[in-house]
Amino acid sequence: MTTYDVTGLSANSVPYLEALQQQRALHAAVVAGRAPDTVILLEHSPVYTAGKRTSPDERPTDGTPVVDVDRGGKITWHGPGQLVGYPILRLHDPIDVVGYVRALERVLIDVLARLGVTGVQIEGRSGVWMRPEHNPGATTDEKIAAIGIRVAEGVTMHGFALNCSNSLDAYERIVACGIRDAGVTTISRVLGRTVTPQDVAPLVMDAFDLEFTAAEAVA
């Protein structure tokens, strides 16, 4: 059974390095069998983080600090108004990393659907996307949720970031996720009303239980 740790939302946003320490401690506990599968949900103080595949030309050019981390993917931004989820889960053998990423995408697509937003998967690109036909005013694909993970000793780390009510200004300083031919959006922007991480967190927990309980039943 997965447990949920809502570490800090709204005014209680969590510095990235503090959350990274929490992740590592919990990961070690799950690996050792001392803790159950757990999903940490929070908002971060503003920060850029760069995965292992980030290129120098994708980083900020104005000297803004970047935290280099051991997840997959490239550079992205975290900050207030964005719901970040760190699932610390033991995967079943044989471990299917791509299958796990697709499952996270399905969870977030389910969450968006409950809000009246049509998110999709795009072949060859991780995360959840908005197509122009479902995104008023958009002329190209726009990313609404990013995913970057790591699996060590059979247990996952890092996770997803779902844009709820955050500003998009910080994305202008980077090549977000290394993608140059698409944009970025938020739930609030698509719906034309404010939807906060606090609003979305319960939906994520329910959708996560549905996706991964079904996976457990199949396993």
N, C-alpha and C. Protein backbone atom coordinates (compact mmCIF):
# COMPACT_ATOMS: atom_id res chain seq x y z
N MET A 1 0.85 -1.19 0.00
CA MET A 1 0.00 0.00 0.00
C MET A 1 0.89 1.25 0.00
N THR A 2 0.61 2.17 -0.89
CA THR A 2 1.40 3.40 -0.97
C THR A 2 0.92 4.41 0.07
N THR A 3 1.86 5.05 0.74
CA THR A 3 1.52 6.14 1.65
C THR A 3 1.92 7.46 1.01
N TYR A 4 1.35 8.55 1.53
CA TYR A 4 1.58 9.87 0.96
C TYR A 4 2.09 10.81 2.04
N ASP A 5 3.09 11.59 1.69
CA ASP A 5 3.68 12.56 2.60
C ASP A 5 3.58 13.92 1.94
N VAL A 6 2.58 14.70 2.34
CA VAL A 6 2.42 16.06 1.81
C VAL A 6 3.32 16.97 2.63
N THR A 7 4.52 17.17 2.12
CA THR A 7 5.59 17.79 2.90
C THR A 7 5.46 19.30 3.01
N GLY A 8 5.02 19.95 1.95
CA GLY A 8 4.93 21.41 2.00
C GLY A 8 4.26 21.97 0.78
N LEU A 9 3.09 22.59 0.97
CA LEU A 9 2.38 23.24 -0.12
C LEU A 9 2.11 24.69 0.25
N SER A 10 1.85 25.50 -0.77
CA SER A 10 1.55 26.92 -0.60
C SER A 10 2.71 27.64 0.07
N ALA A 11 2.44 28.32 1.18
CA ALA A 11 3.49 29.11 1.84
C ALA A 11 4.58 28.24 2.46
N ASN A 12 4.36 26.94 2.54
CA ASN A 12 5.32 26.04 3.17
C ASN A 12 6.21 25.34 2.15
N SER A 13 6.53 26.00 1.03
CA SER A 13 7.33 25.37 -0.01
C SER A 13 8.69 24.92 0.55
N VAL A 14 9.22 23.84 -0.03
CA VAL A 14 10.39 23.16 0.50
C VAL A 14 11.61 23.43 -0.39
N PRO A 15 12.73 23.90 0.17
CA PRO A 15 13.95 24.06 -0.64
C PRO A 15 14.34 22.73 -1.28
N TYR A 16 14.85 22.80 -2.52
CA TYR A 16 15.11 21.59 -3.28
C TYR A 16 16.10 20.66 -2.57
N LEU A 17 17.21 21.21 -2.07
CA LEU A 17 18.23 20.35 -1.46
C LEU A 17 17.71 19.68 -0.19
N GLU A 18 16.83 20.35 0.52
CA GLU A 18 16.21 19.74 1.70
C GLU A 18 15.35 18.54 1.29
N ALA A 19 14.57 18.72 0.22
CA ALA A 19 13.73 17.62 -0.26
C ALA A 19 14.58 16.48 -0.82
N LEU A 20 15.71 16.82 -1.44
CA LEU A 20 16.59 15.78 -1.97
C LEU A 20 17.14 14.91 -0.84
N GLN A 21 17.51 15.52 0.27
CA GLN A 21 17.97 14.76 1.43
C GLN A 21 16.86 13.84 1.94
N GLN A 22 15.64 14.37 1.99
CA GLN A 22 14.50 13.57 2.43
C GLN A 22 14.29 12.38 1.51
N GLN A 23 14.37 12.63 0.19
CA GLN A 23 14.23 11.54 -0.78
C GLN A 23 15.27 10.44 -0.55
N ARG A 24 16.52 10.86 -0.39
CA ARG A 24 17.60 9.88 -0.23
C ARG A 24 17.43 9.05 1.02
N ALA A 25 17.02 9.69 2.12
CA ALA A 25 16.81 8.95 3.36
C ALA A 25 15.65 7.96 3.21
N LEU A 26 14.58 8.41 2.58
CA LEU A 26 13.43 7.53 2.40
C LEU A 26 13.76 6.41 1.42
N HIS A 27 14.52 6.71 0.37
CA HIS A 27 14.93 5.69 -0.59
C HIS A 27 15.71 4.58 0.12
N ALA A 28 16.65 4.97 0.96
CA ALA A 28 17.44 3.97 1.70
C ALA A 28 16.54 3.13 2.60
N ALA A 29 15.53 3.75 3.20
CA ALA A 29 14.63 3.02 4.09
C ALA A 29 13.75 2.04 3.31
N VAL A 30 13.29 2.44 2.11
CA VAL A 30 12.48 1.54 1.30
C VAL A 30 13.34 0.38 0.78
N VAL A 31 14.56 0.68 0.35
CA VAL A 31 15.47 -0.38 -0.11
C VAL A 31 15.69 -1.40 1.00
N ALA A 32 15.84 -0.93 2.22
CA ALA A 32 16.12 -1.81 3.36
C ALA A 32 14.87 -2.48 3.93
N GLY A 33 13.70 -2.10 3.40
CA GLY A 33 12.47 -2.69 3.91
C GLY A 33 11.98 -2.06 5.20
N ARG A 34 12.52 -0.91 5.55
CA ARG A 34 12.13 -0.23 6.79
C ARG A 34 11.01 0.79 6.59
N ALA A 35 10.61 1.04 5.35
CA ALA A 35 9.55 2.01 5.07
C ALA A 35 8.73 1.51 3.90
N PRO A 36 7.44 1.86 3.85
CA PRO A 36 6.59 1.45 2.73
C PRO A 36 6.82 2.35 1.52
N ASP A 37 6.33 1.91 0.37
CA ASP A 37 6.31 2.80 -0.79
C ASP A 37 5.63 4.10 -0.40
N THR A 38 6.26 5.21 -0.78
CA THR A 38 5.78 6.52 -0.35
C THR A 38 5.88 7.51 -1.49
N VAL A 39 4.88 8.37 -1.62
CA VAL A 39 4.92 9.47 -2.58
C VAL A 39 4.98 10.77 -1.79
N ILE A 40 6.06 11.52 -2.01
CA ILE A 40 6.21 12.84 -1.40
C ILE A 40 5.59 13.87 -2.34
N LEU A 41 4.70 14.71 -1.83
CA LEU A 41 4.08 15.78 -2.61
C LEU A 41 4.43 17.12 -2.00
N LEU A 42 4.87 18.06 -2.82
CA LEU A 42 5.29 19.36 -2.29
C LEU A 42 5.38 20.41 -3.38
N GLU A 43 5.61 21.64 -2.96
CA GLU A 43 6.04 22.72 -3.84
C GLU A 43 7.46 23.08 -3.44
N HIS A 44 8.26 23.49 -4.41
CA HIS A 44 9.62 23.91 -4.13
C HIS A 44 9.74 25.44 -4.13
N SER A 45 10.71 25.92 -3.37
CA SER A 45 11.19 27.27 -3.59
C SER A 45 11.81 27.32 -4.99
N PRO A 46 11.84 28.47 -5.67
CA PRO A 46 12.30 28.52 -7.06
C PRO A 46 13.70 27.95 -7.24
N VAL A 47 13.86 27.06 -8.23
CA VAL A 47 15.15 26.42 -8.47
C VAL A 47 15.17 25.82 -9.87
N TYR A 48 16.34 25.86 -10.51
CA TYR A 48 16.58 25.08 -11.72
C TYR A 48 17.32 23.81 -11.34
N THR A 49 16.89 22.68 -11.91
CA THR A 49 17.63 21.44 -11.71
C THR A 49 17.96 20.85 -13.07
N ALA A 50 19.14 20.25 -13.17
CA ALA A 50 19.62 19.71 -14.45
C ALA A 50 19.88 18.22 -14.32
N GLY A 51 19.22 17.44 -15.16
CA GLY A 51 19.48 16.01 -15.23
C GLY A 51 20.77 15.73 -15.97
N LYS A 52 21.12 14.45 -16.03
CA LYS A 52 22.44 14.05 -16.52
C LYS A 52 22.65 14.35 -18.00
N ARG A 53 21.60 14.53 -18.77
CA ARG A 53 21.75 14.74 -20.21
C ARG A 53 21.68 16.21 -20.62
N THR A 54 21.71 17.12 -19.65
CA THR A 54 21.61 18.55 -19.96
C THR A 54 22.85 19.05 -20.69
N SER A 55 22.65 19.77 -21.78
CA SER A 55 23.75 20.35 -22.55
C SER A 55 24.05 21.76 -22.05
N PRO A 56 25.30 22.23 -22.20
CA PRO A 56 25.65 23.58 -21.73
C PRO A 56 24.77 24.67 -22.33
N ASP A 57 24.38 24.55 -23.59
CA ASP A 57 23.59 25.60 -24.23
C ASP A 57 22.13 25.61 -23.79
N GLU A 58 21.72 24.65 -22.96
CA GLU A 58 20.36 24.61 -22.46
C GLU A 58 20.22 25.26 -21.09
N ARG A 59 21.36 25.62 -20.49
CA ARG A 59 21.37 26.21 -19.15
C ARG A 59 21.13 27.73 -19.22
N PRO A 60 20.80 28.36 -18.08
CA PRO A 60 20.60 29.81 -18.07
C PRO A 60 21.88 30.54 -18.50
N THR A 61 21.71 31.62 -19.22
CA THR A 61 22.86 32.40 -19.68
C THR A 61 23.13 33.60 -18.79
N ASP A 62 22.32 33.79 -17.74
CA ASP A 62 22.46 34.97 -16.89
C ASP A 62 23.12 34.67 -15.56
N GLY A 63 23.71 33.48 -15.43
CA GLY A 63 24.40 33.13 -14.18
C GLY A 63 23.51 32.57 -13.10
N THR A 64 22.24 32.35 -13.40
CA THR A 64 21.33 31.78 -12.41
C THR A 64 21.84 30.41 -11.96
N PRO A 65 21.91 30.14 -10.67
CA PRO A 65 22.42 28.85 -10.19
C PRO A 65 21.55 27.68 -10.67
N VAL A 66 22.19 26.56 -10.91
CA VAL A 66 21.52 25.33 -11.32
C VAL A 66 22.01 24.20 -10.42
N VAL A 67 21.09 23.37 -9.93
CA VAL A 67 21.44 22.20 -9.13
C VAL A 67 21.53 20.99 -10.06
N ASP A 68 22.70 20.39 -10.16
CA ASP A 68 22.87 19.18 -10.97
C ASP A 68 22.47 17.96 -10.15
N VAL A 69 21.62 17.12 -10.73
CA VAL A 69 21.07 15.98 -9.99
C VAL A 69 21.23 14.69 -10.79
N ASP A 70 21.02 13.57 -10.11
CA ASP A 70 21.29 12.25 -10.69
C ASP A 70 20.06 11.60 -11.30
N ARG A 71 19.11 12.40 -11.74
CA ARG A 71 17.95 11.85 -12.43
C ARG A 71 18.17 11.85 -13.93
N GLY A 72 17.27 11.19 -14.64
CA GLY A 72 17.27 11.28 -16.09
C GLY A 72 16.71 12.62 -16.54
N GLY A 73 16.71 12.81 -17.85
CA GLY A 73 16.15 14.04 -18.39
C GLY A 73 17.15 15.18 -18.42
N LYS A 74 16.62 16.38 -18.70
CA LYS A 74 17.47 17.55 -18.87
C LYS A 74 17.11 18.62 -17.86
N ILE A 75 17.30 19.88 -18.21
CA ILE A 75 17.09 20.96 -17.25
C ILE A 75 15.61 21.33 -17.17
N THR A 76 15.15 21.67 -15.98
CA THR A 76 13.80 22.15 -15.79
C THR A 76 13.78 23.12 -14.62
N TRP A 77 12.62 23.67 -14.37
CA TRP A 77 12.43 24.62 -13.26
C TRP A 77 11.40 24.06 -12.30
N HIS A 78 11.60 24.33 -11.02
CA HIS A 78 10.58 24.06 -10.01
C HIS A 78 10.35 25.32 -9.21
N GLY A 79 9.10 25.51 -8.75
CA GLY A 79 8.82 26.67 -7.94
C GLY A 79 7.37 26.73 -7.51
N PRO A 80 7.00 27.78 -6.80
CA PRO A 80 5.63 27.92 -6.29
C PRO A 80 4.59 27.84 -7.40
N GLY A 81 3.51 27.14 -7.09
CA GLY A 81 2.44 26.96 -8.06
C GLY A 81 2.57 25.68 -8.87
N GLN A 82 3.67 24.96 -8.69
CA GLN A 82 3.91 23.70 -9.39
C GLN A 82 3.87 22.56 -8.37
N LEU A 83 3.07 21.54 -8.65
CA LEU A 83 3.00 20.39 -7.75
C LEU A 83 4.07 19.38 -8.16
N VAL A 84 4.98 19.09 -7.25
CA VAL A 84 6.06 18.14 -7.49
C VAL A 84 5.77 16.86 -6.71
N GLY A 85 5.95 15.73 -7.37
CA GLY A 85 5.74 14.44 -6.72
C GLY A 85 6.98 13.58 -6.83
N TYR A 86 7.41 13.03 -5.71
CA TYR A 86 8.57 12.14 -5.67
C TYR A 86 8.11 10.76 -5.19
N PRO A 87 7.74 9.86 -6.10
CA PRO A 87 7.38 8.50 -5.68
C PRO A 87 8.65 7.69 -5.36
N ILE A 88 8.70 7.16 -4.17
CA ILE A 88 9.78 6.27 -3.75
C ILE A 88 9.17 4.88 -3.68
N LEU A 89 9.29 4.14 -4.78
CA LEU A 89 8.57 2.87 -4.94
C LEU A 89 9.51 1.74 -5.31
N ARG A 90 9.23 0.56 -4.78
CA ARG A 90 9.96 -0.64 -5.21
C ARG A 90 9.27 -1.20 -6.45
N LEU A 91 10.02 -1.29 -7.56
CA LEU A 91 9.47 -1.82 -8.80
C LEU A 91 9.59 -3.33 -8.83
N HIS A 92 8.63 -3.95 -9.50
CA HIS A 92 8.65 -5.41 -9.61
C HIS A 92 9.66 -5.84 -10.67
N ASP A 93 10.25 -7.01 -10.47
CA ASP A 93 11.11 -7.64 -11.49
C ASP A 93 10.23 -8.29 -12.56
N PRO A 94 10.63 -8.27 -13.82
CA PRO A 94 11.79 -7.53 -14.32
C PRO A 94 11.49 -6.03 -14.37
N ILE A 95 12.44 -5.21 -13.96
CA ILE A 95 12.21 -3.77 -13.86
C ILE A 95 12.06 -3.16 -15.25
N ASP A 96 10.98 -2.43 -15.43
CA ASP A 96 10.66 -1.78 -16.70
C ASP A 96 10.60 -0.28 -16.46
N VAL A 97 11.72 0.41 -16.67
CA VAL A 97 11.80 1.84 -16.37
C VAL A 97 10.88 2.63 -17.28
N VAL A 98 10.89 2.30 -18.57
CA VAL A 98 10.02 3.03 -19.50
C VAL A 98 8.55 2.80 -19.15
N GLY A 99 8.21 1.58 -18.78
CA GLY A 99 6.84 1.30 -18.37
C GLY A 99 6.43 2.10 -17.16
N TYR A 100 7.36 2.29 -16.23
CA TYR A 100 7.08 3.10 -15.04
C TYR A 100 6.83 4.56 -15.43
N VAL A 101 7.64 5.11 -16.32
CA VAL A 101 7.43 6.49 -16.77
C VAL A 101 6.07 6.63 -17.44
N ARG A 102 5.70 5.65 -18.29
CA ARG A 102 4.40 5.70 -18.94
C ARG A 102 3.27 5.66 -17.90
N ALA A 103 3.45 4.90 -16.82
CA ALA A 103 2.44 4.83 -15.76
C ALA A 103 2.29 6.19 -15.08
N LEU A 104 3.40 6.87 -14.80
CA LEU A 104 3.32 8.21 -14.21
C LEU A 104 2.58 9.16 -15.14
N GLU A 105 2.85 9.06 -16.44
CA GLU A 105 2.14 9.91 -17.41
C GLU A 105 0.64 9.64 -17.36
N ARG A 106 0.25 8.36 -17.27
CA ARG A 106 -1.17 8.03 -17.20
C ARG A 106 -1.82 8.60 -15.96
N VAL A 107 -1.12 8.57 -14.83
CA VAL A 107 -1.64 9.16 -13.60
C VAL A 107 -1.95 10.64 -13.82
N LEU A 108 -1.02 11.35 -14.40
CA LEU A 108 -1.20 12.79 -14.58
C LEU A 108 -2.26 13.10 -15.62
N ILE A 109 -2.36 12.30 -16.67
CA ILE A 109 -3.42 12.48 -17.66
C ILE A 109 -4.79 12.27 -17.01
N ASP A 110 -4.89 11.29 -16.12
CA ASP A 110 -6.12 11.05 -15.37
C ASP A 110 -6.47 12.27 -14.52
N VAL A 111 -5.49 12.80 -13.81
CA VAL A 111 -5.71 13.99 -12.98
C VAL A 111 -6.22 15.15 -13.83
N LEU A 112 -5.57 15.40 -14.95
CA LEU A 112 -5.99 16.49 -15.83
C LEU A 112 -7.41 16.29 -16.34
N ALA A 113 -7.74 15.05 -16.70
CA ALA A 113 -9.08 14.77 -17.21
C ALA A 113 -10.15 15.10 -16.17
N ARG A 114 -9.86 14.85 -14.91
CA ARG A 114 -10.82 15.15 -13.85
C ARG A 114 -11.07 16.65 -13.72
N LEU A 115 -10.11 17.44 -14.21
CA LEU A 115 -10.24 18.90 -14.17
C LEU A 115 -10.78 19.46 -15.49
N GLY A 116 -11.03 18.59 -16.45
CA GLY A 116 -11.52 19.05 -17.74
C GLY A 116 -10.44 19.45 -18.71
N VAL A 117 -9.21 18.94 -18.50
CA VAL A 117 -8.07 19.26 -19.36
C VAL A 117 -7.64 17.98 -20.08
N THR A 118 -7.41 18.08 -21.38
CA THR A 118 -7.05 16.90 -22.18
C THR A 118 -5.54 16.84 -22.38
N GLY A 119 -4.86 16.12 -21.52
CA GLY A 119 -3.43 15.89 -21.68
C GLY A 119 -3.18 14.62 -22.46
N VAL A 120 -2.05 14.56 -23.14
CA VAL A 120 -1.74 13.38 -23.95
C VAL A 120 -0.27 13.00 -23.78
N GLN A 121 0.03 11.75 -24.14
CA GLN A 121 1.40 11.28 -24.31
C GLN A 121 1.81 11.50 -25.75
N ILE A 122 3.08 11.86 -25.97
CA ILE A 122 3.62 12.02 -27.31
C ILE A 122 4.78 11.05 -27.46
N GLU A 123 4.71 10.22 -28.48
CA GLU A 123 5.75 9.22 -28.70
C GLU A 123 7.12 9.89 -28.84
N GLY A 124 8.09 9.36 -28.11
CA GLY A 124 9.45 9.89 -28.17
C GLY A 124 9.71 11.04 -27.22
N ARG A 125 8.68 11.49 -26.49
CA ARG A 125 8.85 12.59 -25.54
C ARG A 125 8.20 12.20 -24.22
N SER A 126 8.94 12.36 -23.13
CA SER A 126 8.37 12.04 -21.83
C SER A 126 7.52 13.20 -21.33
N GLY A 127 6.74 12.92 -20.30
CA GLY A 127 5.90 13.95 -19.73
C GLY A 127 4.51 13.93 -20.33
N VAL A 128 3.72 14.95 -19.96
CA VAL A 128 2.35 15.08 -20.44
C VAL A 128 2.23 16.39 -21.21
N TRP A 129 1.48 16.32 -22.31
CA TRP A 129 1.46 17.41 -23.28
C TRP A 129 0.04 17.87 -23.58
N MET A 130 -0.05 19.12 -24.04
CA MET A 130 -1.30 19.67 -24.55
C MET A 130 -1.15 19.87 -26.05
N ARG A 131 -2.09 19.32 -26.82
CA ARG A 131 -2.14 19.56 -28.25
C ARG A 131 -2.90 20.86 -28.51
N PRO A 132 -2.56 21.59 -29.57
CA PRO A 132 -3.24 22.86 -29.84
C PRO A 132 -4.77 22.74 -29.92
N GLU A 133 -5.26 21.62 -30.44
CA GLU A 133 -6.71 21.48 -30.58
C GLU A 133 -7.44 21.39 -29.25
N HIS A 134 -6.71 21.10 -28.18
CA HIS A 134 -7.31 21.04 -26.84
C HIS A 134 -6.81 22.17 -25.94
N ASN A 135 -6.16 23.16 -26.52
CA ASN A 135 -5.46 24.19 -25.75
C ASN A 135 -5.70 25.55 -26.40
N PRO A 136 -6.78 26.23 -26.03
CA PRO A 136 -7.15 27.48 -26.69
C PRO A 136 -6.01 28.50 -26.73
N GLY A 137 -5.77 29.05 -27.90
CA GLY A 137 -4.73 30.06 -28.06
C GLY A 137 -3.36 29.52 -28.39
N ALA A 138 -3.16 28.21 -28.25
CA ALA A 138 -1.85 27.60 -28.53
C ALA A 138 -1.74 27.30 -30.02
N THR A 139 -0.52 27.43 -30.53
CA THR A 139 -0.26 27.11 -31.93
C THR A 139 0.71 25.94 -32.08
N THR A 140 1.22 25.44 -30.96
CA THR A 140 2.15 24.31 -30.98
C THR A 140 1.90 23.46 -29.75
N ASP A 141 2.51 22.29 -29.69
CA ASP A 141 2.41 21.45 -28.50
C ASP A 141 3.00 22.19 -27.30
N GLU A 142 2.37 22.03 -26.14
CA GLU A 142 2.89 22.64 -24.91
C GLU A 142 2.93 21.60 -23.80
N LYS A 143 4.04 21.61 -23.07
CA LYS A 143 4.22 20.64 -21.99
C LYS A 143 3.55 21.16 -20.72
N ILE A 144 2.79 20.29 -20.08
CA ILE A 144 2.11 20.68 -18.85
C ILE A 144 2.64 19.93 -17.62
N ALA A 145 3.36 18.83 -17.87
CA ALA A 145 3.97 18.06 -16.77
C ALA A 145 5.26 17.42 -17.25
N ALA A 146 6.30 17.55 -16.44
CA ALA A 146 7.62 16.98 -16.75
C ALA A 146 7.87 15.78 -15.86
N ILE A 147 8.63 14.82 -16.37
CA ILE A 147 8.99 13.62 -15.61
C ILE A 147 10.49 13.37 -15.76
N GLY A 148 11.15 13.12 -14.65
CA GLY A 148 12.56 12.73 -14.64
C GLY A 148 12.80 11.82 -13.45
N ILE A 149 13.29 10.63 -13.69
CA ILE A 149 13.38 9.64 -12.60
C ILE A 149 14.77 9.02 -12.53
N ARG A 150 14.97 8.27 -11.46
CA ARG A 150 16.14 7.43 -11.29
C ARG A 150 15.69 6.16 -10.59
N VAL A 151 16.26 5.03 -10.96
CA VAL A 151 15.98 3.78 -10.26
C VAL A 151 17.30 3.22 -9.75
N ALA A 152 17.41 3.00 -8.46
CA ALA A 152 18.61 2.43 -7.85
C ALA A 152 18.19 1.33 -6.88
N GLU A 153 18.82 0.19 -7.00
CA GLU A 153 18.51 -0.98 -6.15
C GLU A 153 17.03 -1.35 -6.23
N GLY A 154 16.45 -1.12 -7.41
CA GLY A 154 15.07 -1.51 -7.63
C GLY A 154 14.03 -0.54 -7.11
N VAL A 155 14.48 0.60 -6.58
CA VAL A 155 13.57 1.58 -5.98
C VAL A 155 13.71 2.91 -6.70
N THR A 156 12.58 3.55 -6.96
CA THR A 156 12.56 4.80 -7.72
C THR A 156 12.90 6.01 -6.86
N MET A 157 13.39 7.05 -7.56
CA MET A 157 13.59 8.37 -6.96
C MET A 157 13.18 9.42 -7.98
N HIS A 158 13.14 10.68 -7.51
CA HIS A 158 12.72 11.82 -8.33
C HIS A 158 11.30 11.55 -8.83
N GLY A 159 10.85 12.19 -9.90
CA GLY A 159 9.46 11.95 -10.26
C GLY A 159 8.90 12.93 -11.26
N PHE A 160 7.83 13.64 -10.86
CA PHE A 160 7.11 14.48 -11.81
C PHE A 160 6.89 15.89 -11.25
N ALA A 161 6.65 16.82 -12.18
CA ALA A 161 6.31 18.19 -11.84
C ALA A 161 5.13 18.61 -12.71
N LEU A 162 4.01 18.93 -12.08
CA LEU A 162 2.78 19.29 -12.78
C LEU A 162 2.53 20.79 -12.62
N ASN A 163 2.50 21.49 -13.73
CA ASN A 163 2.30 22.94 -13.70
C ASN A 163 0.84 23.25 -13.40
N CYS A 164 0.60 23.84 -12.24
CA CYS A 164 -0.77 24.15 -11.81
C CYS A 164 -1.07 25.64 -11.96
N SER A 165 -0.45 26.46 -11.12
CA SER A 165 -0.73 27.90 -11.15
C SER A 165 0.55 28.72 -11.17
N ASN A 166 1.67 28.11 -11.54
CA ASN A 166 2.96 28.80 -11.51
C ASN A 166 3.12 29.76 -12.68
N SER A 167 3.98 30.75 -12.49
CA SER A 167 4.39 31.63 -13.57
C SER A 167 5.27 30.84 -14.54
N LEU A 168 5.26 31.24 -15.80
CA LEU A 168 6.09 30.59 -16.82
C LEU A 168 7.34 31.40 -17.15
N ASP A 169 7.55 32.51 -16.46
CA ASP A 169 8.67 33.40 -16.79
C ASP A 169 10.02 32.70 -16.69
N ALA A 170 10.17 31.82 -15.68
CA ALA A 170 11.48 31.18 -15.45
C ALA A 170 11.89 30.29 -16.60
N TYR A 171 10.94 29.78 -17.37
CA TYR A 171 11.26 28.91 -18.49
C TYR A 171 11.93 29.66 -19.64
N GLU A 172 11.79 30.97 -19.65
CA GLU A 172 12.36 31.76 -20.75
C GLU A 172 13.89 31.80 -20.70
N ARG A 173 14.49 31.46 -19.55
CA ARG A 173 15.95 31.51 -19.40
C ARG A 173 16.64 30.20 -19.74
N ILE A 174 15.86 29.16 -20.01
CA ILE A 174 16.43 27.84 -20.28
C ILE A 174 15.77 27.22 -21.51
N VAL A 175 16.36 26.13 -21.97
CA VAL A 175 15.69 25.27 -22.97
C VAL A 175 15.08 24.14 -22.16
N ALA A 176 13.84 24.32 -21.75
CA ALA A 176 13.21 23.40 -20.80
C ALA A 176 13.15 21.99 -21.37
N CYS A 177 13.70 21.04 -20.61
CA CYS A 177 13.72 19.62 -20.99
C CYS A 177 14.44 19.40 -22.32
N GLY A 178 15.22 20.38 -22.77
CA GLY A 178 15.98 20.25 -24.01
C GLY A 178 15.13 20.34 -25.26
N ILE A 179 13.89 20.81 -25.13
CA ILE A 179 12.96 20.83 -26.26
C ILE A 179 12.82 22.26 -26.78
N ARG A 180 13.17 22.46 -28.04
CA ARG A 180 13.18 23.80 -28.63
C ARG A 180 11.96 24.10 -29.50
N ASP A 181 11.18 23.08 -29.83
CA ASP A 181 10.09 23.28 -30.79
C ASP A 181 8.71 23.18 -30.15
N ALA A 182 8.63 23.39 -28.85
CA ALA A 182 7.35 23.32 -28.16
C ALA A 182 7.35 24.30 -26.99
N GLY A 183 6.18 24.54 -26.42
CA GLY A 183 6.06 25.50 -25.33
C GLY A 183 5.76 24.82 -24.01
N VAL A 184 5.38 25.64 -23.03
CA VAL A 184 5.06 25.18 -21.68
C VAL A 184 3.76 25.86 -21.27
N THR A 185 2.92 25.15 -20.53
CA THR A 185 1.68 25.75 -20.06
C THR A 185 1.35 25.26 -18.66
N THR A 186 0.24 25.73 -18.12
CA THR A 186 -0.22 25.35 -16.79
C THR A 186 -1.71 25.00 -16.84
N ILE A 187 -2.17 24.29 -15.83
CA ILE A 187 -3.60 23.99 -15.73
C ILE A 187 -4.41 25.28 -15.67
N SER A 188 -3.95 26.23 -14.86
CA SER A 188 -4.68 27.49 -14.71
C SER A 188 -4.78 28.25 -16.02
N ARG A 189 -3.71 28.23 -16.78
CA ARG A 189 -3.72 28.93 -18.07
C ARG A 189 -4.69 28.28 -19.05
N VAL A 190 -4.72 26.96 -19.07
CA VAL A 190 -5.62 26.26 -19.99
C VAL A 190 -7.09 26.49 -19.61
N LEU A 191 -7.39 26.46 -18.33
CA LEU A 191 -8.77 26.58 -17.87
C LEU A 191 -9.25 28.02 -17.71
N GLY A 192 -8.31 28.95 -17.63
CA GLY A 192 -8.70 30.34 -17.44
C GLY A 192 -9.16 30.65 -16.04
N ARG A 193 -8.77 29.84 -15.09
CA ARG A 193 -9.05 30.07 -13.66
C ARG A 193 -7.93 29.47 -12.84
N THR A 194 -7.78 29.92 -11.61
CA THR A 194 -6.67 29.47 -10.78
C THR A 194 -6.94 28.09 -10.20
N VAL A 195 -6.02 27.18 -10.47
CA VAL A 195 -6.05 25.82 -9.89
C VAL A 195 -4.69 25.61 -9.25
N THR A 196 -4.66 25.45 -7.93
CA THR A 196 -3.41 25.41 -7.18
C THR A 196 -2.95 23.98 -6.92
N PRO A 197 -1.69 23.81 -6.53
CA PRO A 197 -1.23 22.47 -6.11
C PRO A 197 -2.07 21.88 -4.98
N GLN A 198 -2.56 22.72 -4.08
CA GLN A 198 -3.42 22.21 -3.01
C GLN A 198 -4.70 21.62 -3.56
N ASP A 199 -5.23 22.23 -4.62
CA ASP A 199 -6.43 21.69 -5.26
C ASP A 199 -6.16 20.35 -5.92
N VAL A 200 -4.96 20.20 -6.48
CA VAL A 200 -4.66 19.06 -7.33
C VAL A 200 -4.13 17.86 -6.54
N ALA A 201 -3.46 18.09 -5.41
CA ALA A 201 -2.82 17.00 -4.67
C ALA A 201 -3.76 15.84 -4.35
N PRO A 202 -4.99 16.08 -3.87
CA PRO A 202 -5.87 14.93 -3.60
C PRO A 202 -6.21 14.13 -4.85
N LEU A 203 -6.32 14.80 -5.99
CA LEU A 203 -6.60 14.11 -7.24
C LEU A 203 -5.42 13.22 -7.63
N VAL A 204 -4.20 13.70 -7.41
CA VAL A 204 -3.01 12.91 -7.71
C VAL A 204 -2.98 11.65 -6.85
N MET A 205 -3.27 11.79 -5.57
CA MET A 205 -3.25 10.62 -4.69
C MET A 205 -4.25 9.57 -5.14
N ASP A 206 -5.45 10.01 -5.50
CA ASP A 206 -6.48 9.06 -5.93
C ASP A 206 -6.10 8.39 -7.25
N ALA A 207 -5.63 9.19 -8.22
CA ALA A 207 -5.24 8.63 -9.52
C ALA A 207 -4.04 7.70 -9.38
N PHE A 208 -3.12 8.04 -8.50
CA PHE A 208 -1.95 7.20 -8.28
C PHE A 208 -2.37 5.85 -7.70
N ASP A 209 -3.26 5.88 -6.73
CA ASP A 209 -3.74 4.62 -6.15
C ASP A 209 -4.41 3.75 -7.22
N LEU A 210 -5.22 4.36 -8.07
CA LEU A 210 -5.91 3.59 -9.10
C LEU A 210 -4.91 2.95 -10.07
N GLU A 211 -3.94 3.70 -10.54
CA GLU A 211 -2.96 3.19 -11.51
C GLU A 211 -2.11 2.10 -10.91
N PHE A 212 -1.57 2.34 -9.72
CA PHE A 212 -0.59 1.40 -9.17
C PHE A 212 -1.24 0.25 -8.41
N THR A 213 -2.48 0.42 -7.94
CA THR A 213 -3.21 -0.71 -7.37
C THR A 213 -3.56 -1.70 -8.47
N ALA A 214 -3.93 -1.15 -9.65
CA ALA A 214 -4.22 -2.02 -10.79
C ALA A 214 -2.96 -2.78 -11.21
N ALA A 215 -1.82 -2.09 -11.18
CA ALA A 215 -0.56 -2.75 -11.54
C ALA A 215 -0.22 -3.85 -10.55
N GLU A 216 -0.47 -3.61 -9.26
CA GLU A 216 -0.21 -4.63 -8.24
C GLU A 216 -1.08 -5.85 -8.48
N ALA A 217 -2.34 -5.61 -8.87
CA ALA A 217 -3.26 -6.73 -9.08
C ALA A 217 -2.80 -7.59 -10.25
N VAL A 218 -2.29 -6.94 -11.30
CA VAL A 218 -1.79 -7.68 -12.45
C VAL A 218 -0.53 -8.47 -12.08
N ALA A 219 0.37 -7.81 -11.29
CA ALA A 219 1.61 -8.46 -10.88
C ALA A 219 1.33 -9.68 -10.00
